Amino acid sequence: MNSKGPNCFQCRHFYITHEPSHPYGCQAMRFKARQLPALVVRLNSGMECHLFTPKE
């Protein structure tokens, strides 16, 4: 992780939904969003994502 928080594109839980209104998803937290999941987590909780798992 860096000072900006985890990079969703490098997380094994991240996926692209192909839904124009909610293009990004997180399998670990089971939600879809308009913004990257790590950013949504930071904006809503004030904390960094604790479920980030690097891709192999």
PDB file of N, CA and C in Angstrom:
ATOM      1  N   MET A   1       0.831  -1.177   0.000  1.00  0.00           N
ATOM      2  CA  MET A   1       0.000   0.000   0.000  1.00  0.00           C
ATOM      3  C   MET A   1       0.877   1.241   0.000  1.00  0.00           C
ATOM      4  N   ASN A   2       0.373   2.304  -0.597  1.00  0.00           N
ATOM      5  CA  ASN A   2       1.115   3.545  -0.606  1.00  0.00           C
ATOM      6  C   ASN A   2       0.357   4.612   0.174  1.00  0.00           C
ATOM      7  N   SER A   3       0.850   5.841   0.169  1.00  0.00           N
ATOM      8  CA  SER A   3       0.221   6.909   0.942  1.00  0.00           C
ATOM      9  C   SER A   3      -1.168   7.264   0.426  1.00  0.00           C
ATOM     10  N   LYS A   4      -1.476   6.921  -0.819  1.00  0.00           N
ATOM     11  CA  LYS A   4      -2.797   7.190  -1.387  1.00  0.00           C
ATOM     12  C   LYS A   4      -3.767   6.056  -1.095  1.00  0.00           C
ATOM     13  N   GLY A   5      -3.317   5.023  -0.463  1.00  0.00           N
ATOM     14  CA  GLY A   5      -4.172   3.882  -0.183  1.00  0.00           C
ATOM     15  C   GLY A   5      -3.929   2.776  -1.201  1.00  0.00           C
ATOM     16  N   PRO A   6      -4.654   1.679  -1.064  1.00  0.00           N
ATOM     17  CA  PRO A   6      -4.463   0.553  -1.968  1.00  0.00           C
ATOM     18  C   PRO A   6      -4.932   0.856  -3.388  1.00  0.00           C
ATOM     19  N   ASN A   7      -4.308   0.223  -4.329  1.00  0.00           N
ATOM     20  CA  ASN A   7      -4.669   0.367  -5.744  1.00  0.00           C
ATOM     21  C   ASN A   7      -5.612  -0.774  -6.098  1.00  0.00           C
ATOM     22  N   CYS A   8      -6.856  -0.462  -6.336  1.00  0.00           N
ATOM     23  CA  CYS A   8      -7.860  -1.492  -6.630  1.00  0.00           C
ATOM     24  C   CYS A   8      -7.472  -2.352  -7.829  1.00  0.00           C
ATOM     25  N   PHE A   9      -6.805  -1.759  -8.810  1.00  0.00           N
ATOM     26  CA  PHE A   9      -6.431  -2.511  -9.996  1.00  0.00           C
ATOM     27  C   PHE A   9      -5.426  -3.614  -9.682  1.00  0.00           C
ATOM     28  N   GLN A  10      -4.789  -3.556  -8.525  1.00  0.00           N
ATOM     29  CA  GLN A  10      -3.825  -4.571  -8.109  1.00  0.00           C
ATOM     30  C   GLN A  10      -4.398  -5.515  -7.056  1.00  0.00           C
ATOM     31  N   CYS A  11      -5.703  -5.388  -6.773  1.00  0.00           N
ATOM     32  CA  CYS A  11      -6.347  -6.216  -5.748  1.00  0.00           C
ATOM     33  C   CYS A  11      -7.085  -7.385  -6.393  1.00  0.00           C
ATOM     34  N   ARG A  12      -7.012  -8.531  -5.780  1.00  0.00           N
ATOM     35  CA  ARG A  12      -7.672  -9.719  -6.332  1.00  0.00           C
ATOM     36  C   ARG A  12      -9.195  -9.664  -6.206  1.00  0.00           C
ATOM     37  N   HIS A  13      -9.748  -8.799  -5.358  1.00  0.00           N
ATOM     38  CA  HIS A  13     -11.194  -8.685  -5.172  1.00  0.00           C
ATOM     39  C   HIS A  13     -11.856  -7.710  -6.148  1.00  0.00           C
ATOM     40  N   PHE A  14     -11.065  -6.908  -6.833  1.00  0.00           N
ATOM     41  CA  PHE A  14     -11.581  -5.885  -7.736  1.00  0.00           C
ATOM     42  C   PHE A  14     -12.039  -6.502  -9.056  1.00  0.00           C
ATOM     43  N   TYR A  15     -13.129  -5.972  -9.596  1.00  0.00           N
ATOM     44  CA  TYR A  15     -13.572  -6.417 -10.918  1.00  0.00           C
ATOM     45  C   TYR A  15     -14.306  -5.280 -11.634  1.00  0.00           C
ATOM     46  N   ILE A  16     -14.378  -5.392 -12.949  1.00  0.00           N
ATOM     47  CA  ILE A  16     -15.107  -4.447 -13.785  1.00  0.00           C
ATOM     48  C   ILE A  16     -16.486  -5.039 -14.026  1.00  0.00           C
ATOM     49  N   THR A  17     -17.540  -4.263 -13.761  1.00  0.00           N
ATOM     50  CA  THR A  17     -18.899  -4.791 -13.852  1.00  0.00           C
ATOM     51  C   THR A  17     -19.501  -4.687 -15.253  1.00  0.00           C
ATOM     52  N   HIS A  18     -18.994  -3.766 -16.074  1.00  0.00           N
ATOM     53  CA  HIS A  18     -19.546  -3.482 -17.403  1.00  0.00           C
ATOM     54  C   HIS A  18     -20.939  -2.872 -17.318  1.00  0.00           C
ATOM     55  N   GLU A  19     -21.300  -2.333 -16.146  1.00  0.00           N
ATOM     56  CA  GLU A  19     -22.536  -1.568 -15.978  1.00  0.00           C
ATOM     57  C   GLU A  19     -22.145  -0.092 -16.006  1.00  0.00           C
ATOM     58  N   PRO A  20     -22.629   0.670 -16.969  1.00  0.00           N
ATOM     59  CA  PRO A  20     -22.227   2.075 -17.079  1.00  0.00           C
ATOM     60  C   PRO A  20     -22.458   2.906 -15.814  1.00  0.00           C
ATOM     61  N   SER A  21     -23.504   2.621 -15.060  1.00  0.00           N
ATOM     62  CA  SER A  21     -23.791   3.412 -13.868  1.00  0.00           C
ATOM     63  C   SER A  21     -22.928   3.027 -12.662  1.00  0.00           C
ATOM     64  N   HIS A  22     -22.435   1.807 -12.632  1.00  0.00           N
ATOM     65  CA  HIS A  22     -21.597   1.304 -11.533  1.00  0.00           C
ATOM     66  C   HIS A  22     -20.514   0.402 -12.128  1.00  0.00           C
ATOM     67  N   PRO A  23     -19.472   0.986 -12.715  1.00  0.00           N
ATOM     68  CA  PRO A  23     -18.497   0.190 -13.462  1.00  0.00           C
ATOM     69  C   PRO A  23     -17.486  -0.606 -12.634  1.00  0.00           C
ATOM     70  N   TYR A  24     -17.351  -0.315 -11.343  1.00  0.00           N
ATOM     71  CA  TYR A  24     -16.332  -0.988 -10.534  1.00  0.00           C
ATOM     72  C   TYR A  24     -16.981  -1.779  -9.413  1.00  0.00           C
ATOM     73  N   GLY A  25     -16.372  -2.919  -9.075  1.00  0.00           N
ATOM     74  CA  GLY A  25     -16.919  -3.737  -8.011  1.00  0.00           C
ATOM     75  C   GLY A  25     -15.858  -4.316  -7.118  1.00  0.00           C
ATOM     76  N   CYS A  26     -16.282  -4.687  -5.914  1.00  0.00           N
ATOM     77  CA  CYS A  26     -15.401  -5.354  -4.954  1.00  0.00           C
ATOM     78  C   CYS A  26     -16.094  -6.636  -4.510  1.00  0.00           C
ATOM     79  N   GLN A  27     -15.468  -7.763  -4.786  1.00  0.00           N
ATOM     80  CA  GLN A  27     -16.053  -9.051  -4.411  1.00  0.00           C
ATOM     81  C   GLN A  27     -16.001  -9.265  -2.906  1.00  0.00           C
ATOM     82  N   ALA A  28     -14.967  -8.752  -2.249  1.00  0.00           N
ATOM     83  CA  ALA A  28     -14.820  -8.956  -0.807  1.00  0.00           C
ATOM     84  C   ALA A  28     -15.914  -8.233  -0.030  1.00  0.00           C
ATOM     85  N   MET A  29     -16.264  -7.012  -0.459  1.00  0.00           N
ATOM     86  CA  MET A  29     -17.279  -6.229   0.251  1.00  0.00           C
ATOM     87  C   MET A  29     -18.648  -6.311  -0.414  1.00  0.00           C
ATOM     88  N   ARG A  30     -18.695  -6.982  -1.544  1.00  0.00           N
ATOM     89  CA  ARG A  30     -19.942  -7.228  -2.264  1.00  0.00           C
ATOM     90  C   ARG A  30     -20.706  -5.954  -2.592  1.00  0.00           C
ATOM     91  N   PHE A  31     -20.022  -5.027  -3.274  1.00  0.00           N
ATOM     92  CA  PHE A  31     -20.716  -3.842  -3.755  1.00  0.00           C
ATOM     93  C   PHE A  31     -20.140  -3.382  -5.076  1.00  0.00           C
ATOM     94  N   LYS A  32     -20.950  -2.606  -5.789  1.00  0.00           N
ATOM     95  CA  LYS A  32     -20.563  -1.998  -7.051  1.00  0.00           C
ATOM     96  C   LYS A  32     -20.623  -0.493  -6.844  1.00  0.00           C
ATOM     97  N   ALA A  33     -19.761   0.242  -7.554  1.00  0.00           N
ATOM     98  CA  ALA A  33     -19.723   1.685  -7.348  1.00  0.00           C
ATOM     99  C   ALA A  33     -19.330   2.416  -8.618  1.00  0.00           C
ATOM    100  N   ARG A  34     -19.610   3.706  -8.606  1.00  0.00           N
ATOM    101  CA  ARG A  34     -19.229   4.584  -9.705  1.00  0.00           C
ATOM    102  C   ARG A  34     -17.742   4.921  -9.618  1.00  0.00           C
ATOM    103  N   GLN A  35     -17.199   4.940  -8.385  1.00  0.00           N
ATOM    104  CA  GLN A  35     -15.788   5.230  -8.140  1.00  0.00           C
ATOM    105  C   GLN A  35     -15.080   3.940  -7.737  1.00  0.00           C
ATOM    106  N   LEU A  36     -13.748   3.993  -7.681  1.00  0.00           N
ATOM    107  CA  LEU A  36     -12.993   2.817  -7.253  1.00  0.00           C
ATOM    108  C   LEU A  36     -13.382   2.449  -5.821  1.00  0.00           C
ATOM    109  N   PRO A  37     -13.536   1.165  -5.527  1.00  0.00           N
ATOM    110  CA  PRO A  37     -13.972   0.738  -4.198  1.00  0.00           C
ATOM    111  C   PRO A  37     -13.120   1.272  -3.053  1.00  0.00           C
ATOM    112  N   ALA A  38     -11.805   1.316  -3.197  1.00  0.00           N
ATOM    113  CA  ALA A  38     -10.956   1.821  -2.111  1.00  0.00           C
ATOM    114  C   ALA A  38     -11.276   3.280  -1.800  1.00  0.00           C
ATOM    115  N   LEU A  39     -11.600   4.057  -2.812  1.00  0.00           N
ATOM    116  CA  LEU A  39     -11.962   5.454  -2.608  1.00  0.00           C
ATOM    117  C   LEU A  39     -13.311   5.561  -1.902  1.00  0.00           C
ATOM    118  N   VAL A  40     -14.253   4.732  -2.276  1.00  0.00           N
ATOM    119  CA  VAL A  40     -15.566   4.724  -1.634  1.00  0.00           C
ATOM    120  C   VAL A  40     -15.415   4.372  -0.151  1.00  0.00           C
ATOM    121  N   VAL A  41     -14.588   3.393   0.147  1.00  0.00           N
ATOM    122  CA  VAL A  41     -14.359   2.994   1.541  1.00  0.00           C
ATOM    123  C   VAL A  41     -13.758   4.158   2.317  1.00  0.00           C
ATOM    124  N   ARG A  42     -12.742   4.815   1.746  1.00  0.00           N
ATOM    125  CA  ARG A  42     -12.086   5.933   2.435  1.00  0.00           C
ATOM    126  C   ARG A  42     -13.061   7.095   2.659  1.00  0.00           C
ATOM    127  N   LEU A  43     -13.874   7.418   1.655  1.00  0.00           N
ATOM    128  CA  LEU A  43     -14.819   8.524   1.782  1.00  0.00           C
ATOM    129  C   LEU A  43     -15.912   8.245   2.817  1.00  0.00           C
ATOM    130  N   ASN A  44     -16.341   6.990   2.909  1.00  0.00           N
ATOM    131  CA  ASN A  44     -17.440   6.652   3.810  1.00  0.00           C
ATOM    132  C   ASN A  44     -17.009   6.309   5.227  1.00  0.00           C
ATOM    133  N   SER A  45     -15.813   5.760   5.402  1.00  0.00           N
ATOM    134  CA  SER A  45     -15.389   5.354   6.743  1.00  0.00           C
ATOM    135  C   SER A  45     -14.239   6.194   7.289  1.00  0.00           C
ATOM    136  N   GLY A  46     -13.522   6.885   6.397  1.00  0.00           N
ATOM    137  CA  GLY A  46     -12.349   7.648   6.829  1.00  0.00           C
ATOM    138  C   GLY A  46     -11.132   6.774   7.025  1.00  0.00           C
ATOM    139  N   MET A  47     -11.247   5.479   6.696  1.00  0.00           N
ATOM    140  CA  MET A  47     -10.141   4.539   6.858  1.00  0.00           C
ATOM    141  C   MET A  47      -9.795   3.929   5.512  1.00  0.00           C
ATOM    142  N   GLU A  48      -8.588   3.395   5.432  1.00  0.00           N
ATOM    143  CA  GLU A  48      -8.166   2.700   4.216  1.00  0.00           C
ATOM    144  C   GLU A  48      -8.828   1.321   4.171  1.00  0.00           C
ATOM    145  N   CYS A  49      -8.913   0.754   2.976  1.00  0.00           N
ATOM    146  CA  CYS A  49      -9.483  -0.583   2.797  1.00  0.00           C
ATOM    147  C   CYS A  49      -8.597  -1.619   3.496  1.00  0.00           C
ATOM    148  N   HIS A  50      -9.207  -2.417   4.356  1.00  0.00           N
ATOM    149  CA  HIS A  50      -8.467  -3.446   5.092  1.00  0.00           C
ATOM    150  C   HIS A  50      -8.575  -4.813   4.402  1.00  0.00           C
ATOM    151  N   LEU A  51      -9.337  -4.896   3.326  1.00  0.00           N
ATOM    152  CA  LEU A  51      -9.513  -6.173   2.642  1.00  0.00           C
ATOM    153  C   LEU A  51      -8.663  -6.283   1.377  1.00  0.00           C
ATOM    154  N   PHE A  52      -7.809  -5.295   1.124  1.00  0.00           N
ATOM    155  CA  PHE A  52      -6.932  -5.329  -0.053  1.00  0.00           C
ATOM    156  C   PHE A  52      -6.050  -6.566   0.022  1.00  0.00           C
ATOM    157  N   THR A  53      -6.070  -7.336  -1.069  1.00  0.00           N
ATOM    158  CA  THR A  53      -5.225  -8.527  -1.208  1.00  0.00           C
ATOM    159  C   THR A  53      -4.556  -8.456  -2.566  1.00  0.00           C
ATOM    160  N   PRO A  54      -3.222  -8.368  -2.592  1.00  0.00           N
ATOM    161  CA  PRO A  54      -2.530  -8.246  -3.880  1.00  0.00           C
ATOM    162  C   PRO A  54      -2.784  -9.447  -4.787  1.00  0.00           C
ATOM    163  N   LYS A  55      -2.857  -9.184  -6.084  1.00  0.00           N
ATOM    164  CA  LYS A  55      -2.991 -10.269  -7.069  1.00  0.00           C
ATOM    165  C   LYS A  55      -1.701 -11.068  -7.073  1.00  0.00           C
ATOM    166  N   GLU A  56      -1.810 -12.322  -7.385  1.00  0.00           N
ATOM    167  CA  GLU A  56      -0.631 -13.188  -7.454  1.00  0.00           C
ATOM    168  C   GLU A  56       0.099 -12.994  -8.743  1.00  0.00           C
TER     169      GLU A  56
END
